[in-house]
């Protein structure tokens, strides 16, 4: 026991090895990752700009969309730049402190993503089931409090996980991690201590946040479906469903890779190749931020109209200047 205590060290840094088995393909894998990241940054910044400056988008639905865009920006920016540095410049080293900071932002904002999707489902429920009271129920103070509560829920639940990981015993410095970013389970697995607390607490967070949010989303859409089916007009039913299409797509893009990562790590780790798990783990952080602005831009008429008006206005300015 004395010998073990003497060999325990706080690692100066970790070595993120990227995608094991596909090291020679890193440069090719980087191109779709980089393209998706650029689309995510440009698309979400564009949405935030529209929602902030366009008066017609100053409604609760678009405030929640702004929360989602901001969450997506932080979520993908916490991991993808470091991943590209590994792929392009072979900068694989990350300090222990930076690793914990990256871990905090990734896990906090993935939890935040789930919470915002739940809030957006409740927003659609109120809009369709109580349309006359929509503006009085979802006031700006209520929206701000709901967003703050969702953020604080994520922070309060993730901080203990970071604290537990920080105090794990490590038997050497410069430890190799087969991943592109500091996932808490990947870091815990290279510890020489007992990581049962990490596994159990991480599972509890996933079940609590994911289970609660999915339950609220399911109940909301069940009530929405009942309300829509009861409408007499086919046009009214189609219009009501169309307002939910973009949000349903966002749920699919977010939860599909999340479920794959969650279940494969716990039940299919010996069957599914590690390279596949790591690629999907990156898509989990990259796919929703890339697709959400595209889907909302295509499916939401008000956003399309704002984009068309801005671009047509810029063309008119150019034609007048000529």
Protein backbone atom coordinates (compact mmCIF):
# COMPACT_ATOMS: atom_id res chain seq x y z
CA UNK A 1 0.00 0.00 0.00
CA UNK A 2 2.87 2.33 0.83
CA UNK A 3 4.46 1.59 -2.54
CA UNK A 4 1.23 2.40 -4.35
CA UNK A 5 0.91 5.75 -2.59
CA UNK A 6 4.46 6.62 -3.53
CA UNK A 7 3.82 5.94 -7.22
CA UNK A 8 0.63 8.02 -7.40
CA UNK A 9 1.21 11.32 -9.23
CA UNK A 10 -0.84 14.16 -10.60
CA UNK A 11 -0.16 13.97 -14.33
CA UNK A 12 1.35 17.05 -15.91
CA UNK A 13 -0.35 16.27 -19.19
CA UNK A 14 -2.11 13.65 -21.29
CA UNK A 15 -1.39 12.56 -24.85
CA UNK A 16 -4.54 12.45 -26.99
CA UNK A 17 -3.79 9.83 -29.63
CA UNK A 18 -6.70 10.63 -31.95
CA UNK A 19 -8.52 7.72 -33.57
CA UNK A 20 -6.63 4.46 -32.85
CA UNK A 21 -6.02 2.29 -35.90
CA UNK A 22 -6.77 5.14 -38.30
CA UNK A 23 -3.73 7.33 -37.67
CA UNK A 24 -2.78 7.28 -41.36
CA UNK A 25 -6.30 8.45 -42.25
CA UNK A 26 -6.32 11.41 -39.85
CA UNK A 27 -5.68 13.97 -42.58
CA UNK A 28 -8.60 12.65 -44.67
CA UNK A 29 -10.93 12.40 -41.69
CA UNK A 30 -10.08 16.00 -40.82
CA UNK A 31 -11.66 17.41 -44.00
CA UNK A 32 -15.29 16.44 -43.25
CA UNK A 33 -14.77 17.35 -39.59
CA UNK A 34 -13.43 20.78 -40.54
CA UNK A 35 -16.19 21.36 -43.12
CA UNK A 36 -18.89 20.48 -40.60
CA UNK A 37 -17.30 22.72 -37.96
CA UNK A 38 -17.18 25.69 -40.36
CA UNK A 39 -20.83 25.14 -41.28
CA UNK A 40 -21.71 24.88 -37.58
CA UNK A 41 -19.93 28.12 -36.65
CA UNK A 42 -21.23 30.12 -39.64
CA UNK A 43 -24.76 28.71 -39.39
CA UNK A 44 -25.19 29.21 -35.65
CA UNK A 45 -23.59 32.66 -35.67
CA UNK A 46 -25.94 33.54 -38.54
CA UNK A 47 -28.96 32.36 -36.55
CA UNK A 48 -27.87 34.34 -33.49
CA UNK A 49 -27.41 37.43 -35.65
CA UNK A 50 -30.89 37.08 -37.18
CA UNK A 51 -32.61 36.46 -33.86
CA UNK A 52 -30.84 39.40 -32.21
CA UNK A 53 -31.40 42.00 -34.95
CA UNK A 54 -34.71 40.95 -36.56
CA UNK A 55 -37.74 42.22 -34.63
CA UNK A 56 -39.99 39.60 -36.23
CA UNK A 57 -37.95 36.86 -34.53
CA UNK A 58 -38.26 38.33 -31.03
CA UNK A 59 -40.54 35.51 -29.85
CA UNK A 60 -40.09 32.69 -27.35
CA UNK A 61 -39.59 30.02 -30.04
CA UNK A 62 -36.61 31.91 -31.46
CA UNK A 63 -35.20 32.76 -28.04
CA UNK A 64 -35.04 29.04 -27.31
CA UNK A 65 -33.46 28.53 -30.74
CA UNK A 66 -30.85 31.15 -29.81
CA UNK A 67 -30.10 29.16 -26.64
CA UNK A 68 -29.69 26.04 -28.76
CA UNK A 69 -27.36 27.81 -31.21
CA UNK A 70 -25.20 29.22 -28.41
CA UNK A 71 -25.05 25.79 -26.75
CA UNK A 72 -24.09 24.16 -30.05
CA UNK A 73 -21.31 26.68 -30.65
CA UNK A 74 -19.71 26.06 -27.25
CA UNK A 75 -20.22 22.30 -27.46
CA UNK A 76 -18.42 21.81 -30.77
CA UNK A 77 -15.80 24.52 -30.15
CA UNK A 78 -14.76 22.81 -26.92
CA UNK A 79 -13.54 19.74 -28.82
CA UNK A 80 -13.16 20.14 -32.58
CA UNK A 81 -10.28 22.72 -32.70
CA UNK A 82 -8.17 20.41 -30.52
CA UNK A 83 -9.15 17.44 -32.68
CA UNK A 84 -8.04 19.28 -35.83
CA UNK A 85 -4.74 20.20 -34.14
CA UNK A 86 -4.17 16.48 -33.54
CA UNK A 87 -5.03 15.60 -37.15
CA UNK A 88 -3.13 18.43 -38.87
CA UNK A 89 -0.23 19.42 -36.64
CA UNK A 90 0.21 16.33 -34.42
CA UNK A 91 -0.24 18.52 -31.32
CA UNK A 92 -1.44 15.71 -29.11
CA UNK A 93 -0.41 16.92 -25.67
CA UNK A 94 -2.96 18.55 -23.37
CA UNK A 95 -2.27 19.66 -19.81
CA UNK A 96 -4.17 18.05 -16.95
CA UNK A 97 -5.91 21.34 -16.12
CA UNK A 98 -6.87 22.01 -19.76
CA UNK A 99 -8.17 18.46 -19.99
CA UNK A 100 -10.45 19.01 -16.98
CA UNK A 101 -11.64 22.36 -18.40
CA UNK A 102 -12.41 20.76 -21.76
CA UNK A 103 -14.20 17.92 -19.99
CA UNK A 104 -16.32 20.40 -18.04
CA UNK A 105 -17.42 22.38 -21.11
CA UNK A 106 -18.15 19.28 -23.21
CA UNK A 107 -20.25 17.51 -20.59
CA UNK A 108 -21.96 20.67 -19.32
CA UNK A 109 -23.09 21.80 -22.75
CA UNK A 110 -24.14 18.36 -23.96
CA UNK A 111 -26.37 18.28 -20.87
CA UNK A 112 -27.49 21.83 -21.71
CA UNK A 113 -28.32 20.72 -25.28
CA UNK A 114 -30.69 18.07 -23.95
CA UNK A 115 -32.32 20.58 -21.61
CA UNK A 116 -32.86 23.18 -24.33
CA UNK A 117 -34.45 20.57 -26.62
CA UNK A 118 -36.81 19.76 -23.76
CA UNK A 119 -37.68 23.45 -23.31
CA UNK A 120 -38.34 23.76 -27.05
CA UNK A 121 -40.73 20.79 -26.87
CA UNK A 122 -42.62 22.52 -24.03
CA UNK A 123 -42.68 25.70 -26.13
CA UNK A 124 -44.30 23.82 -29.04
CA UNK A 125 -46.78 22.24 -26.61
CA UNK A 126 -47.90 25.64 -25.31
CA UNK A 127 -48.01 27.14 -28.83
CA UNK A 128 -50.25 24.38 -30.21
CA UNK A 129 -52.37 23.42 -27.19
CA UNK A 130 -52.77 26.94 -25.68
CA UNK A 131 -52.29 29.33 -28.62
CA UNK A 132 -54.38 32.15 -27.08
CA UNK A 133 -52.27 32.17 -23.91
CA UNK A 134 -48.91 31.56 -25.61
CA UNK A 135 -47.53 35.10 -25.16
CA UNK A 136 -48.77 35.38 -21.57
CA UNK A 137 -47.39 31.99 -20.45
CA UNK A 138 -43.97 32.21 -22.13
CA UNK A 139 -42.94 35.72 -21.21
CA UNK A 140 -39.33 36.92 -21.46
CA UNK A 141 -38.68 36.52 -17.69
CA UNK A 142 -40.04 32.95 -17.80
CA UNK A 143 -37.82 32.11 -20.78
CA UNK A 144 -34.75 33.61 -19.06
CA UNK A 145 -35.43 31.70 -15.83
CA UNK A 146 -36.00 28.44 -17.73
CA UNK A 147 -32.72 28.86 -19.63
CA UNK A 148 -30.80 29.74 -16.45
CA UNK A 149 -32.29 26.78 -14.58
CA UNK A 150 -31.29 24.43 -17.42
CA UNK A 151 -27.73 25.76 -17.39
CA UNK A 152 -27.42 25.57 -13.59
CA UNK A 153 -28.77 22.01 -13.59
CA UNK A 154 -26.00 20.97 -15.96
CA UNK A 155 -23.28 22.83 -14.01
CA UNK A 156 -24.37 21.50 -10.61
CA UNK A 157 -24.43 17.91 -11.86
CA UNK A 158 -21.18 18.03 -13.86
CA UNK A 159 -18.92 19.81 -11.33
CA UNK A 160 -18.85 16.80 -8.91
CA UNK A 161 -17.91 14.54 -11.84
CA UNK A 162 -14.96 16.81 -12.68
CA UNK A 163 -13.98 16.92 -9.01
CA UNK A 164 -14.06 13.11 -8.75
CA UNK A 165 -11.96 12.75 -11.90
CA UNK A 166 -9.45 15.37 -10.68
CA UNK A 167 -8.77 13.37 -7.54
CA UNK A 168 -8.28 10.01 -9.24
CA UNK A 169 -4.83 8.48 -8.65
CA UNK A 170 -2.54 8.27 -11.69
CA UNK A 171 0.61 6.18 -11.64
CA UNK A 172 2.58 8.12 -14.25
CA UNK A 173 2.63 11.38 -16.19
CA UNK A 174 2.10 11.98 -19.93
CA UNK A 175 -0.49 9.20 -20.14
CA UNK A 176 -1.71 8.11 -23.58
CA UNK A 177 -5.49 8.42 -24.12
CA UNK A 178 -7.01 6.83 -27.20
CA UNK A 179 -9.42 9.66 -27.98
CA UNK A 180 -9.56 13.06 -29.68
CA UNK A 181 -10.80 14.92 -26.59
CA UNK A 182 -10.98 14.51 -22.81
CA UNK A 183 -14.07 12.44 -22.19
CA UNK A 184 -14.41 11.70 -18.48
CA UNK A 185 -14.71 7.94 -18.93
CA UNK A 186 -11.64 7.80 -21.20
CA UNK A 187 -9.62 9.76 -18.64
CA UNK A 188 -10.89 7.64 -15.75
CA UNK A 189 -9.91 4.42 -17.52
CA UNK A 190 -6.22 5.39 -17.59
CA UNK A 191 -6.23 5.92 -13.83
CA UNK A 192 -4.66 3.30 -11.59
CA UNK A 193 -7.40 3.71 -8.99
CA UNK A 194 -10.96 2.47 -8.53
CA UNK A 195 -13.22 4.23 -11.05
CA UNK A 196 -16.52 2.68 -9.94
CA UNK A 197 -17.70 6.04 -8.58
CA UNK A 198 -17.02 7.70 -11.96
CA UNK A 199 -18.95 5.01 -13.80
CA UNK A 200 -21.92 5.01 -11.40
CA UNK A 201 -22.17 8.80 -11.09
CA UNK A 202 -21.77 9.29 -14.85
CA UNK A 203 -24.55 6.76 -15.43
CA UNK A 204 -26.77 8.52 -12.88
CA UNK A 205 -26.27 11.88 -14.62
CA UNK A 206 -27.06 10.40 -18.03
CA UNK A 207 -30.19 8.67 -16.76
CA UNK A 208 -31.38 11.67 -14.75
CA UNK A 209 -30.85 14.33 -17.43
CA UNK A 210 -31.59 12.18 -20.47
CA UNK A 211 -34.46 10.28 -18.84
CA UNK A 212 -36.16 13.41 -17.49
CA UNK A 213 -35.78 15.39 -20.72
CA UNK A 214 -36.93 12.54 -22.96
CA UNK A 215 -39.94 11.97 -20.69
CA UNK A 216 -40.91 15.65 -20.94
CA UNK A 217 -40.41 15.63 -24.73
CA UNK A 218 -42.50 12.46 -25.08
CA UNK A 219 -45.35 13.81 -22.93
CA UNK A 220 -45.29 17.15 -24.80
CA UNK A 221 -45.52 15.51 -28.22
CA UNK A 222 -48.20 13.10 -27.03
CA UNK A 223 -50.34 16.07 -25.99
CA UNK A 224 -49.47 17.88 -29.23
CA UNK A 225 -50.51 14.84 -31.27
CA UNK A 226 -53.84 14.65 -29.44
CA UNK A 227 -54.47 18.35 -30.03
CA UNK A 228 -53.53 18.19 -33.72
CA UNK A 229 -55.64 15.10 -34.42
CA UNK A 230 -58.67 16.83 -32.92
CA UNK A 231 -58.40 19.72 -35.41
CA UNK A 232 -61.14 19.62 -38.03
CA UNK A 233 -59.20 21.23 -40.89
CA UNK A 234 -56.52 19.25 -42.73
CA UNK A 235 -54.65 22.52 -43.45
CA UNK A 236 -54.63 23.36 -39.76
CA UNK A 237 -53.27 19.92 -38.89
CA UNK A 238 -50.55 20.23 -41.53
CA UNK A 239 -49.60 23.72 -40.32
CA UNK A 240 -49.42 22.55 -36.70
CA UNK A 241 -47.24 19.57 -37.62
CA UNK A 242 -44.96 21.73 -39.78
CA UNK A 243 -44.10 23.95 -36.80
CA UNK A 244 -42.67 20.87 -35.04
CA UNK A 245 -40.72 19.37 -37.97
CA UNK A 246 -37.47 21.26 -37.38
CA UNK A 247 -37.53 20.50 -33.66
CA UNK A 248 -38.13 16.79 -34.27
CA UNK A 249 -35.14 16.75 -36.66
CA UNK A 250 -33.00 18.46 -33.98
CA UNK A 251 -34.02 15.77 -31.47
CA UNK A 252 -33.07 13.00 -33.90
CA UNK A 253 -29.68 14.58 -34.71
CA UNK A 254 -28.89 15.06 -31.03
CA UNK A 255 -30.15 11.89 -29.38
CA UNK A 256 -29.25 9.31 -32.06
CA UNK A 257 -25.44 9.55 -31.66
CA UNK A 258 -25.90 10.10 -27.91
CA UNK A 259 -27.79 6.82 -27.52
CA UNK A 260 -25.25 5.01 -29.70
CA UNK A 261 -22.34 6.26 -27.57
CA UNK A 262 -24.13 5.54 -24.30
CA UNK A 263 -25.19 1.96 -25.07
CA UNK A 264 -22.10 0.96 -27.06
CA UNK A 265 -19.73 2.02 -24.26
CA UNK A 266 -21.65 -0.04 -21.73
CA UNK A 267 -22.86 -3.04 -23.72
CA UNK A 268 -20.95 -3.17 -27.03
CA UNK A 269 -17.45 -2.04 -26.10
CA UNK A 270 -15.92 -5.42 -26.96
CA UNK A 271 -17.83 -5.79 -30.26
CA UNK A 272 -17.67 -2.32 -31.83
CA UNK A 273 -14.17 -1.14 -32.90
CA UNK A 274 -12.74 1.72 -30.79
CA UNK A 275 -12.23 3.80 -33.94
CA UNK A 276 -15.97 3.63 -34.68
CA UNK A 277 -16.83 4.66 -31.11
CA UNK A 278 -14.52 7.67 -31.26
CA UNK A 279 -15.81 8.82 -34.65
CA UNK A 280 -19.41 8.64 -33.40
CA UNK A 281 -18.38 10.42 -30.19
CA UNK A 282 -17.08 13.29 -32.34
CA UNK A 283 -20.23 13.28 -34.46
CA UNK A 284 -22.22 13.48 -31.24
CA UNK A 285 -20.59 16.88 -30.62
CA UNK A 286 -20.50 17.97 -34.27
CA UNK A 287 -23.65 16.71 -36.01
CA UNK A 288 -26.31 18.69 -34.05
CA UNK A 289 -24.44 22.04 -34.33
CA UNK A 290 -23.98 21.45 -38.07
CA UNK A 291 -27.50 20.33 -38.92
CA UNK A 292 -29.66 22.44 -36.57
CA UNK A 293 -29.12 25.80 -38.35
CA UNK A 294 -29.55 24.11 -41.74
CA UNK A 295 -32.80 22.43 -40.72
CA UNK A 296 -34.24 25.52 -39.03
CA UNK A 297 -33.17 27.68 -41.96
CA UNK A 298 -34.94 25.40 -44.44
CA UNK A 299 -38.01 24.46 -42.40
CA UNK A 300 -38.82 27.77 -40.67
CA UNK A 301 -40.54 30.27 -42.97
CA UNK A 302 -39.81 33.34 -40.81
CA UNK A 303 -36.06 32.62 -40.83
CA UNK A 304 -36.10 31.97 -44.60
CA UNK A 305 -37.91 35.26 -45.18
CA UNK A 306 -35.37 37.16 -43.06
CA UNK A 307 -32.44 35.62 -44.94
CA UNK A 308 -34.03 36.37 -48.33
CA UNK A 309 -34.77 39.95 -47.28
CA UNK A 310 -31.20 40.52 -46.09
CA UNK A 311 -29.65 39.12 -49.27
CA UNK A 312 -32.10 40.90 -51.57
CA UNK A 313 -31.41 44.12 -49.67
CA UNK A 314 -27.65 43.71 -50.13
CA UNK A 315 -28.16 43.13 -53.88
CA UNK A 316 -30.27 46.30 -54.10
CA UNK A 317 -27.50 48.28 -52.34
CA UNK A 318 -24.91 46.93 -54.82
CA UNK A 319 -27.10 47.76 -57.82
CA UNK A 320 -27.64 51.34 -56.56
CA UNK A 321 -23.91 51.81 -55.98
CA UNK A 322 -23.17 50.70 -59.53
